[in-house]
Amino acid sequence: MDMLVTAASRVARLLALVGAAAVVAMMLHICLDVVLRNLFRYSFSSTNAMVARYYMVPLAFLPLAYIELKDQMVSVELIDGLLQRPLREASDALVAAIASGIYGTLTWATWGAMVSNWNRGTLIELGEVRFITYPSYIFPTLGFALATAACLVKTVDRTRRIGRVS
């Protein structure tokens, strides 16, 4: 089980790194656009679409699994401090199981949109430029699927801990 947790953590860390790379690429792209616009009166017509579709989307969705595995997702713990350790571990396992169900539902919901947009070859027109957008629909589905897997790993790991704590 520890190997599974370690493998999931490495994959999640890699995807968080891809999200960080999206931040750097977005920053460089926007800076280049601003410099070109101010110095040479030239601007990329696709900067806004590129930022919205190819930088922000992976930045928002790919790190979800990493955040889940590191227990850094926003949470409200009203009574956790009052629970004894076995009950707190059981509560954590239940929350991870519920989260995996929610992420699984979101994966299923975004899968249909991803496949539909991919099959149609969705694009937007920016003046005379046709900007392909259908690949960007992969990121939410991938992010939710990996977060589902991360929460399932957490559920199994936390359930295993309950047996050791008791």
N, C-alpha and C. Protein backbone atom coordinates (compact mmCIF):
# COMPACT_ATOMS: atom_id res chain seq x y z
N MET A 1 0.82 -1.19 0.00
CA MET A 1 0.00 0.00 0.00
C MET A 1 0.86 1.26 0.00
N ASP A 2 1.98 1.21 0.74
CA ASP A 2 2.86 2.37 0.79
C ASP A 2 3.44 2.68 -0.59
N MET A 3 3.69 1.64 -1.38
CA MET A 3 4.18 1.86 -2.74
C MET A 3 3.14 2.56 -3.59
N LEU A 4 1.86 2.21 -3.40
CA LEU A 4 0.78 2.86 -4.14
C LEU A 4 0.67 4.33 -3.78
N VAL A 5 0.77 4.62 -2.49
CA VAL A 5 0.71 6.01 -2.03
C VAL A 5 1.90 6.79 -2.59
N THR A 6 3.08 6.18 -2.58
CA THR A 6 4.27 6.83 -3.12
C THR A 6 4.13 7.08 -4.62
N ALA A 7 3.64 6.09 -5.35
CA ALA A 7 3.45 6.25 -6.80
C ALA A 7 2.43 7.35 -7.10
N ALA A 8 1.32 7.33 -6.37
CA ALA A 8 0.30 8.37 -6.57
C ALA A 8 0.86 9.75 -6.25
N SER A 9 1.66 9.83 -5.22
CA SER A 9 2.26 11.10 -4.84
C SER A 9 3.21 11.61 -5.93
N ARG A 10 3.97 10.71 -6.52
CA ARG A 10 4.90 11.11 -7.59
C ARG A 10 4.15 11.59 -8.84
N VAL A 11 3.11 10.88 -9.21
CA VAL A 11 2.32 11.30 -10.37
C VAL A 11 1.66 12.65 -10.10
N ALA A 12 1.11 12.80 -8.91
CA ALA A 12 0.47 14.06 -8.55
C ALA A 12 1.48 15.20 -8.53
N ARG A 13 2.68 14.93 -8.03
CA ARG A 13 3.73 15.95 -8.00
C ARG A 13 4.12 16.35 -9.42
N LEU A 14 4.20 15.38 -10.32
CA LEU A 14 4.52 15.66 -11.71
C LEU A 14 3.48 16.56 -12.35
N LEU A 15 2.20 16.25 -12.08
CA LEU A 15 1.14 17.08 -12.65
C LEU A 15 1.11 18.47 -12.04
N ALA A 16 1.44 18.59 -10.78
CA ALA A 16 1.55 19.91 -10.17
C ALA A 16 2.68 20.70 -10.82
N LEU A 17 3.75 20.00 -11.19
CA LEU A 17 4.86 20.62 -11.89
C LEU A 17 4.42 21.10 -13.28
N VAL A 18 3.59 20.32 -13.96
CA VAL A 18 3.05 20.74 -15.25
C VAL A 18 2.19 22.01 -15.06
N GLY A 19 1.41 22.05 -14.00
CA GLY A 19 0.63 23.25 -13.69
C GLY A 19 1.53 24.46 -13.44
N ALA A 20 2.64 24.23 -12.73
CA ALA A 20 3.60 25.32 -12.49
C ALA A 20 4.24 25.77 -13.79
N ALA A 21 4.54 24.83 -14.67
CA ALA A 21 5.10 25.18 -15.98
C ALA A 21 4.11 26.02 -16.78
N ALA A 22 2.81 25.73 -16.63
CA ALA A 22 1.79 26.53 -17.30
C ALA A 22 1.82 27.97 -16.80
N VAL A 23 2.09 28.16 -15.52
CA VAL A 23 2.19 29.52 -14.97
C VAL A 23 3.37 30.26 -15.61
N VAL A 24 4.51 29.60 -15.69
CA VAL A 24 5.70 30.23 -16.27
C VAL A 24 5.48 30.53 -17.74
N ALA A 25 4.93 29.57 -18.49
CA ALA A 25 4.66 29.79 -19.91
C ALA A 25 3.67 30.93 -20.11
N MET A 26 2.64 30.98 -19.28
CA MET A 26 1.65 32.05 -19.37
C MET A 26 2.31 33.40 -19.12
N MET A 27 3.15 33.47 -18.09
CA MET A 27 3.83 34.72 -17.76
C MET A 27 4.71 35.17 -18.92
N LEU A 28 5.49 34.26 -19.50
CA LEU A 28 6.37 34.61 -20.61
C LEU A 28 5.56 35.05 -21.84
N HIS A 29 4.49 34.34 -22.13
CA HIS A 29 3.64 34.67 -23.27
C HIS A 29 3.03 36.07 -23.11
N ILE A 30 2.48 36.35 -21.95
CA ILE A 30 1.86 37.66 -21.71
C ILE A 30 2.91 38.77 -21.74
N CYS A 31 4.06 38.53 -21.12
CA CYS A 31 5.13 39.55 -21.13
C CYS A 31 5.60 39.83 -22.55
N LEU A 32 5.77 38.79 -23.36
CA LEU A 32 6.18 38.98 -24.74
C LEU A 32 5.13 39.78 -25.51
N ASP A 33 3.88 39.46 -25.30
CA ASP A 33 2.80 40.18 -25.97
C ASP A 33 2.80 41.66 -25.57
N VAL A 34 2.98 41.93 -24.29
CA VAL A 34 3.00 43.33 -23.82
C VAL A 34 4.19 44.08 -24.40
N VAL A 35 5.36 43.46 -24.40
CA VAL A 35 6.56 44.10 -24.93
C VAL A 35 6.39 44.39 -26.43
N LEU A 36 5.93 43.39 -27.18
CA LEU A 36 5.73 43.59 -28.62
C LEU A 36 4.69 44.66 -28.91
N ARG A 37 3.63 44.68 -28.12
CA ARG A 37 2.57 45.66 -28.34
C ARG A 37 3.07 47.07 -28.05
N ASN A 38 3.85 47.24 -26.98
CA ASN A 38 4.30 48.58 -26.60
C ASN A 38 5.50 49.07 -27.42
N LEU A 39 6.37 48.17 -27.83
CA LEU A 39 7.56 48.59 -28.59
C LEU A 39 7.34 48.61 -30.10
N PHE A 40 6.59 47.65 -30.60
CA PHE A 40 6.46 47.50 -32.05
C PHE A 40 5.02 47.59 -32.55
N ARG A 41 4.10 47.89 -31.69
CA ARG A 41 2.68 47.98 -32.03
C ARG A 41 2.17 46.71 -32.71
N TYR A 42 2.68 45.58 -32.24
CA TYR A 42 2.25 44.27 -32.72
C TYR A 42 1.75 43.46 -31.54
N SER A 43 0.62 42.79 -31.72
CA SER A 43 0.08 41.99 -30.65
C SER A 43 -0.41 40.66 -31.20
N PHE A 44 -0.28 39.62 -30.40
CA PHE A 44 -0.81 38.32 -30.79
C PHE A 44 -2.32 38.35 -30.60
N SER A 45 -3.05 37.99 -31.61
CA SER A 45 -4.51 38.00 -31.49
C SER A 45 -5.02 36.88 -30.60
N SER A 46 -4.18 35.87 -30.38
CA SER A 46 -4.64 34.70 -29.64
C SER A 46 -4.23 34.69 -28.17
N THR A 47 -3.61 35.75 -27.67
CA THR A 47 -3.11 35.72 -26.29
C THR A 47 -4.23 35.44 -25.28
N ASN A 48 -5.34 36.16 -25.37
CA ASN A 48 -6.43 35.96 -24.41
C ASN A 48 -6.98 34.54 -24.48
N ALA A 49 -7.18 34.03 -25.68
CA ALA A 49 -7.71 32.67 -25.84
C ALA A 49 -6.70 31.65 -25.34
N MET A 50 -5.42 31.88 -25.62
CA MET A 50 -4.38 30.96 -25.18
C MET A 50 -4.32 30.91 -23.66
N VAL A 51 -4.38 32.07 -23.03
CA VAL A 51 -4.35 32.12 -21.56
C VAL A 51 -5.58 31.41 -20.98
N ALA A 52 -6.74 31.71 -21.53
CA ALA A 52 -7.98 31.15 -21.00
C ALA A 52 -8.10 29.64 -21.24
N ARG A 53 -7.62 29.14 -22.38
CA ARG A 53 -7.83 27.74 -22.74
C ARG A 53 -6.66 26.83 -22.40
N TYR A 54 -5.43 27.32 -22.56
CA TYR A 54 -4.27 26.44 -22.46
C TYR A 54 -3.35 26.70 -21.29
N TYR A 55 -3.52 27.79 -20.59
CA TYR A 55 -2.70 28.03 -19.40
C TYR A 55 -3.52 27.91 -18.13
N MET A 56 -4.64 28.60 -18.07
CA MET A 56 -5.44 28.62 -16.85
C MET A 56 -6.14 27.29 -16.58
N VAL A 57 -6.58 26.61 -17.61
CA VAL A 57 -7.30 25.35 -17.40
C VAL A 57 -6.40 24.27 -16.79
N PRO A 58 -5.20 24.01 -17.35
CA PRO A 58 -4.34 23.02 -16.68
C PRO A 58 -3.89 23.49 -15.31
N LEU A 59 -3.69 24.79 -15.18
CA LEU A 59 -3.28 25.34 -13.89
C LEU A 59 -4.34 25.08 -12.83
N ALA A 60 -5.59 25.14 -13.20
CA ALA A 60 -6.68 24.93 -12.24
C ALA A 60 -6.94 23.46 -11.94
N PHE A 61 -6.81 22.58 -12.93
CA PHE A 61 -7.27 21.21 -12.76
C PHE A 61 -6.18 20.17 -12.52
N LEU A 62 -5.02 20.33 -13.11
CA LEU A 62 -3.99 19.28 -12.97
C LEU A 62 -3.45 19.14 -11.54
N PRO A 63 -3.32 20.20 -10.76
CA PRO A 63 -2.79 20.02 -9.40
C PRO A 63 -3.78 19.46 -8.38
N LEU A 64 -5.03 19.20 -8.77
CA LEU A 64 -6.03 18.72 -7.80
C LEU A 64 -5.58 17.46 -7.06
N ALA A 65 -5.03 16.50 -7.77
CA ALA A 65 -4.59 15.25 -7.12
C ALA A 65 -3.48 15.52 -6.12
N TYR A 66 -2.55 16.38 -6.48
CA TYR A 66 -1.45 16.73 -5.58
C TYR A 66 -1.98 17.40 -4.32
N ILE A 67 -2.90 18.32 -4.49
CA ILE A 67 -3.49 19.02 -3.35
C ILE A 67 -4.23 18.04 -2.44
N GLU A 68 -4.95 17.10 -3.05
CA GLU A 68 -5.67 16.10 -2.25
C GLU A 68 -4.70 15.20 -1.48
N LEU A 69 -3.67 14.72 -2.15
CA LEU A 69 -2.73 13.82 -1.48
C LEU A 69 -1.94 14.51 -0.37
N LYS A 70 -1.72 15.79 -0.51
CA LYS A 70 -0.99 16.54 0.52
C LYS A 70 -1.93 17.10 1.60
N ASP A 71 -3.21 16.77 1.51
CA ASP A 71 -4.22 17.27 2.46
C ASP A 71 -4.22 18.79 2.55
N GLN A 72 -4.11 19.46 1.41
CA GLN A 72 -4.09 20.91 1.38
C GLN A 72 -5.34 21.50 0.75
N MET A 73 -6.34 20.66 0.51
CA MET A 73 -7.61 21.16 0.00
C MET A 73 -8.31 21.91 1.12
N VAL A 74 -9.06 22.92 0.76
CA VAL A 74 -9.80 23.70 1.75
C VAL A 74 -10.75 22.77 2.50
N SER A 75 -10.75 22.88 3.82
CA SER A 75 -11.65 22.04 4.61
C SER A 75 -12.13 22.80 5.84
N VAL A 76 -13.27 22.38 6.32
CA VAL A 76 -13.84 22.95 7.54
C VAL A 76 -13.95 21.81 8.54
N GLU A 77 -13.27 21.93 9.64
CA GLU A 77 -13.26 20.87 10.65
C GLU A 77 -13.90 21.40 11.92
N LEU A 78 -15.19 21.19 12.03
CA LEU A 78 -15.92 21.70 13.19
C LEU A 78 -15.70 20.85 14.43
N ILE A 79 -15.71 19.53 14.26
CA ILE A 79 -15.62 18.67 15.44
C ILE A 79 -14.39 17.77 15.45
N ASP A 80 -13.55 17.84 14.42
CA ASP A 80 -12.39 16.95 14.35
C ASP A 80 -11.48 17.06 15.57
N GLY A 81 -11.32 18.25 16.08
CA GLY A 81 -10.46 18.45 17.25
C GLY A 81 -11.01 17.78 18.50
N LEU A 82 -12.30 17.52 18.52
CA LEU A 82 -12.94 16.90 19.69
C LEU A 82 -12.94 15.38 19.61
N LEU A 83 -12.69 14.83 18.42
CA LEU A 83 -12.75 13.38 18.23
C LEU A 83 -11.46 12.72 18.68
N GLN A 84 -11.61 11.50 19.17
CA GLN A 84 -10.43 10.70 19.48
C GLN A 84 -9.82 10.22 18.17
N ARG A 85 -8.57 9.82 18.21
CA ARG A 85 -7.84 9.50 16.99
C ARG A 85 -8.53 8.46 16.10
N PRO A 86 -9.03 7.35 16.61
CA PRO A 86 -9.69 6.38 15.71
C PRO A 86 -10.90 6.98 14.99
N LEU A 87 -11.68 7.80 15.69
CA LEU A 87 -12.84 8.43 15.05
C LEU A 87 -12.40 9.48 14.04
N ARG A 88 -11.34 10.19 14.32
CA ARG A 88 -10.81 11.19 13.39
C ARG A 88 -10.31 10.50 12.12
N GLU A 89 -9.62 9.36 12.28
CA GLU A 89 -9.16 8.59 11.12
C GLU A 89 -10.35 8.07 10.31
N ALA A 90 -11.39 7.61 10.99
CA ALA A 90 -12.59 7.14 10.30
C ALA A 90 -13.27 8.29 9.56
N SER A 91 -13.33 9.45 10.19
CA SER A 91 -13.90 10.64 9.56
C SER A 91 -13.11 11.02 8.32
N ASP A 92 -11.78 10.99 8.42
CA ASP A 92 -10.94 11.32 7.27
C ASP A 92 -11.14 10.32 6.13
N ALA A 93 -11.27 9.05 6.45
CA ALA A 93 -11.51 8.03 5.43
C ALA A 93 -12.86 8.24 4.76
N LEU A 94 -13.88 8.57 5.54
CA LEU A 94 -15.21 8.82 4.99
C LEU A 94 -15.20 10.05 4.08
N VAL A 95 -14.53 11.11 4.52
CA VAL A 95 -14.45 12.32 3.69
C VAL A 95 -13.72 12.03 2.39
N ALA A 96 -12.64 11.26 2.44
CA ALA A 96 -11.90 10.90 1.21
C ALA A 96 -12.78 10.06 0.28
N ALA A 97 -13.59 9.16 0.85
CA ALA A 97 -14.49 8.34 0.03
C ALA A 97 -15.56 9.20 -0.63
N ILE A 98 -16.12 10.13 0.12
CA ILE A 98 -17.13 11.04 -0.45
C ILE A 98 -16.50 11.91 -1.54
N ALA A 99 -15.29 12.42 -1.27
CA ALA A 99 -14.60 13.25 -2.26
C ALA A 99 -14.31 12.46 -3.53
N SER A 100 -13.94 11.18 -3.39
CA SER A 100 -13.68 10.38 -4.59
C SER A 100 -14.97 10.20 -5.39
N GLY A 101 -16.10 10.06 -4.71
CA GLY A 101 -17.38 9.98 -5.42
C GLY A 101 -17.72 11.27 -6.15
N ILE A 102 -17.45 12.39 -5.51
CA ILE A 102 -17.72 13.69 -6.15
C ILE A 102 -16.79 13.88 -7.35
N TYR A 103 -15.50 13.62 -7.16
CA TYR A 103 -14.56 13.76 -8.28
C TYR A 103 -14.89 12.78 -9.40
N GLY A 104 -15.32 11.58 -9.04
CA GLY A 104 -15.72 10.61 -10.06
C GLY A 104 -16.91 11.10 -10.87
N THR A 105 -17.87 11.71 -10.19
CA THR A 105 -19.03 12.28 -10.88
C THR A 105 -18.60 13.42 -11.81
N LEU A 106 -17.69 14.27 -11.33
CA LEU A 106 -17.19 15.36 -12.16
C LEU A 106 -16.40 14.83 -13.36
N THR A 107 -15.67 13.75 -13.17
CA THR A 107 -14.94 13.12 -14.28
C THR A 107 -15.92 12.64 -15.33
N TRP A 108 -16.97 11.96 -14.89
CA TRP A 108 -17.99 11.45 -15.81
C TRP A 108 -18.68 12.60 -16.54
N ALA A 109 -19.00 13.69 -15.82
CA ALA A 109 -19.70 14.83 -16.42
C ALA A 109 -18.82 15.53 -17.46
N THR A 110 -17.53 15.69 -17.17
CA THR A 110 -16.66 16.39 -18.11
C THR A 110 -16.22 15.49 -19.27
N TRP A 111 -16.28 14.18 -19.07
CA TRP A 111 -15.91 13.25 -20.13
C TRP A 111 -16.77 13.47 -21.37
N GLY A 112 -18.07 13.61 -21.17
CA GLY A 112 -18.99 13.81 -22.30
C GLY A 112 -18.67 15.08 -23.07
N ALA A 113 -18.40 16.17 -22.35
CA ALA A 113 -18.05 17.42 -23.02
C ALA A 113 -16.72 17.29 -23.76
N MET A 114 -15.78 16.60 -23.15
CA MET A 114 -14.47 16.43 -23.78
C MET A 114 -14.61 15.66 -25.09
N VAL A 115 -15.30 14.53 -25.05
CA VAL A 115 -15.46 13.70 -26.24
C VAL A 115 -16.24 14.45 -27.32
N SER A 116 -17.31 15.12 -26.92
CA SER A 116 -18.13 15.87 -27.87
C SER A 116 -17.32 16.97 -28.57
N ASN A 117 -16.58 17.75 -27.79
CA ASN A 117 -15.78 18.83 -28.38
C ASN A 117 -14.64 18.29 -29.22
N TRP A 118 -14.05 17.17 -28.80
CA TRP A 118 -12.97 16.56 -29.57
C TRP A 118 -13.50 16.08 -30.93
N ASN A 119 -14.65 15.40 -30.92
CA ASN A 119 -15.22 14.87 -32.16
C ASN A 119 -15.63 15.98 -33.12
N ARG A 120 -16.11 17.09 -32.59
CA ARG A 120 -16.52 18.21 -33.44
C ARG A 120 -15.33 19.07 -33.87
N GLY A 121 -14.21 18.95 -33.16
CA GLY A 121 -13.05 19.79 -33.49
C GLY A 121 -13.32 21.25 -33.14
N THR A 122 -13.82 21.48 -31.95
CA THR A 122 -14.22 22.82 -31.53
C THR A 122 -13.10 23.83 -31.70
N LEU A 123 -13.48 25.00 -32.20
CA LEU A 123 -12.53 26.09 -32.34
C LEU A 123 -13.26 27.41 -32.18
N ILE A 124 -12.48 28.48 -32.02
CA ILE A 124 -13.05 29.82 -31.99
C ILE A 124 -12.34 30.63 -33.06
N GLU A 125 -13.05 31.61 -33.59
CA GLU A 125 -12.45 32.46 -34.62
C GLU A 125 -12.03 33.77 -33.99
N LEU A 126 -10.77 34.11 -34.18
CA LEU A 126 -10.20 35.35 -33.67
C LEU A 126 -9.81 36.20 -34.88
N GLY A 127 -10.76 36.98 -35.35
CA GLY A 127 -10.52 37.71 -36.59
C GLY A 127 -10.47 36.72 -37.73
N GLU A 128 -9.32 36.64 -38.38
CA GLU A 128 -9.16 35.70 -39.48
C GLU A 128 -8.50 34.40 -39.06
N VAL A 129 -8.15 34.31 -37.78
CA VAL A 129 -7.44 33.14 -37.27
C VAL A 129 -8.42 32.16 -36.64
N ARG A 130 -8.29 30.89 -37.00
CA ARG A 130 -9.09 29.84 -36.37
C ARG A 130 -8.24 29.24 -35.26
N PHE A 131 -8.71 29.38 -34.02
CA PHE A 131 -7.96 28.93 -32.85
C PHE A 131 -8.59 27.65 -32.32
N ILE A 132 -7.87 26.55 -32.40
CA ILE A 132 -8.37 25.24 -31.98
C ILE A 132 -8.47 25.20 -30.45
N THR A 133 -9.62 24.81 -29.93
CA THR A 133 -9.83 24.76 -28.48
C THR A 133 -10.14 23.37 -27.94
N TYR A 134 -10.45 22.43 -28.81
CA TYR A 134 -10.90 21.13 -28.30
C TYR A 134 -9.88 20.39 -27.44
N PRO A 135 -8.56 20.51 -27.64
CA PRO A 135 -7.65 19.81 -26.73
C PRO A 135 -7.71 20.29 -25.28
N SER A 136 -8.13 21.54 -25.07
CA SER A 136 -8.17 22.07 -23.71
C SER A 136 -9.24 21.40 -22.85
N TYR A 137 -10.18 20.71 -23.47
CA TYR A 137 -11.21 20.01 -22.71
C TYR A 137 -10.68 18.75 -22.03
N ILE A 138 -9.48 18.33 -22.36
CA ILE A 138 -8.87 17.16 -21.73
C ILE A 138 -8.50 17.46 -20.28
N PHE A 139 -8.05 18.68 -20.01
CA PHE A 139 -7.49 19.01 -18.69
C PHE A 139 -8.47 18.83 -17.52
N PRO A 140 -9.72 19.32 -17.62
CA PRO A 140 -10.63 19.08 -16.49
C PRO A 140 -10.89 17.59 -16.26
N THR A 141 -11.13 16.85 -17.34
CA THR A 141 -11.40 15.42 -17.20
C THR A 141 -10.20 14.70 -16.59
N LEU A 142 -9.02 15.00 -17.07
CA LEU A 142 -7.81 14.38 -16.54
C LEU A 142 -7.58 14.77 -15.08
N GLY A 143 -7.76 16.04 -14.77
CA GLY A 143 -7.58 16.51 -13.39
C GLY A 143 -8.56 15.85 -12.43
N PHE A 144 -9.83 15.77 -12.83
CA PHE A 144 -10.82 15.13 -11.97
C PHE A 144 -10.58 13.63 -11.84
N ALA A 145 -10.18 12.98 -12.93
CA ALA A 145 -9.91 11.54 -12.87
C ALA A 145 -8.74 11.25 -11.93
N LEU A 146 -7.69 12.04 -12.01
CA LEU A 146 -6.55 11.83 -11.14
C LEU A 146 -6.87 12.18 -9.69
N ALA A 147 -7.70 13.19 -9.48
CA ALA A 147 -8.13 13.51 -8.11
C ALA A 147 -9.00 12.39 -7.55
N THR A 148 -9.81 11.76 -8.41
CA THR A 148 -10.60 10.60 -7.98
C THR A 148 -9.67 9.49 -7.52
N ALA A 149 -8.66 9.20 -8.33
CA ALA A 149 -7.70 8.15 -7.97
C ALA A 149 -6.97 8.50 -6.68
N ALA A 150 -6.58 9.76 -6.53
CA ALA A 150 -5.88 10.20 -5.32
C ALA A 150 -6.76 10.02 -4.09
N CYS A 151 -8.03 10.37 -4.20
CA CYS A 151 -8.94 10.21 -3.06
C CYS A 151 -9.21 8.74 -2.75
N LEU A 152 -9.26 7.91 -3.78
CA LEU A 152 -9.42 6.47 -3.52
C LEU A 152 -8.20 5.91 -2.79
N VAL A 153 -7.01 6.34 -3.19
CA VAL A 153 -5.79 5.92 -2.50
C VAL A 153 -5.84 6.40 -1.05
N LYS A 154 -6.26 7.65 -0.85
CA LYS A 154 -6.38 8.18 0.52
C LYS A 154 -7.39 7.40 1.33
N THR A 155 -8.51 7.03 0.71
CA THR A 155 -9.54 6.27 1.41
C THR A 155 -9.00 4.94 1.90
N VAL A 156 -8.33 4.22 1.01
CA VAL A 156 -7.77 2.91 1.37
C VAL A 156 -6.70 3.08 2.45
N ASP A 157 -5.83 4.07 2.27
CA ASP A 157 -4.75 4.30 3.24
C ASP A 157 -5.32 4.67 4.61
N ARG A 158 -6.31 5.54 4.63
CA ARG A 158 -6.89 5.96 5.92
C ARG A 158 -7.68 4.84 6.56
N THR A 159 -8.35 4.03 5.75
CA THR A 159 -9.08 2.88 6.30
C THR A 159 -8.10 1.89 6.91
N ARG A 160 -7.00 1.70 6.25
CA ARG A 160 -5.94 0.81 6.76
C ARG A 160 -5.40 1.33 8.10
N ARG A 161 -5.27 2.63 8.22
CA ARG A 161 -4.77 3.23 9.46
C ARG A 161 -5.74 3.04 10.62
N ILE A 162 -7.05 3.02 10.32
CA ILE A 162 -8.04 2.83 11.40
C ILE A 162 -7.79 1.51 12.09
N GLY A 163 -7.52 0.48 11.32
CA GLY A 163 -7.25 -0.84 11.89
C GLY A 163 -6.02 -0.84 12.78
N ARG A 164 -5.01 -0.04 12.43
CA ARG A 164 -3.79 0.02 13.23
C ARG A 164 -3.97 0.87 14.48
N VAL A 165 -4.83 1.87 14.41
CA VAL A 165 -5.02 2.79 15.53
C VAL A 165 -5.83 2.12 16.64
N SER A 166 -6.82 1.33 16.24
CA SER A 166 -7.73 0.72 17.24
C SER A 166 -7.01 -0.20 18.19
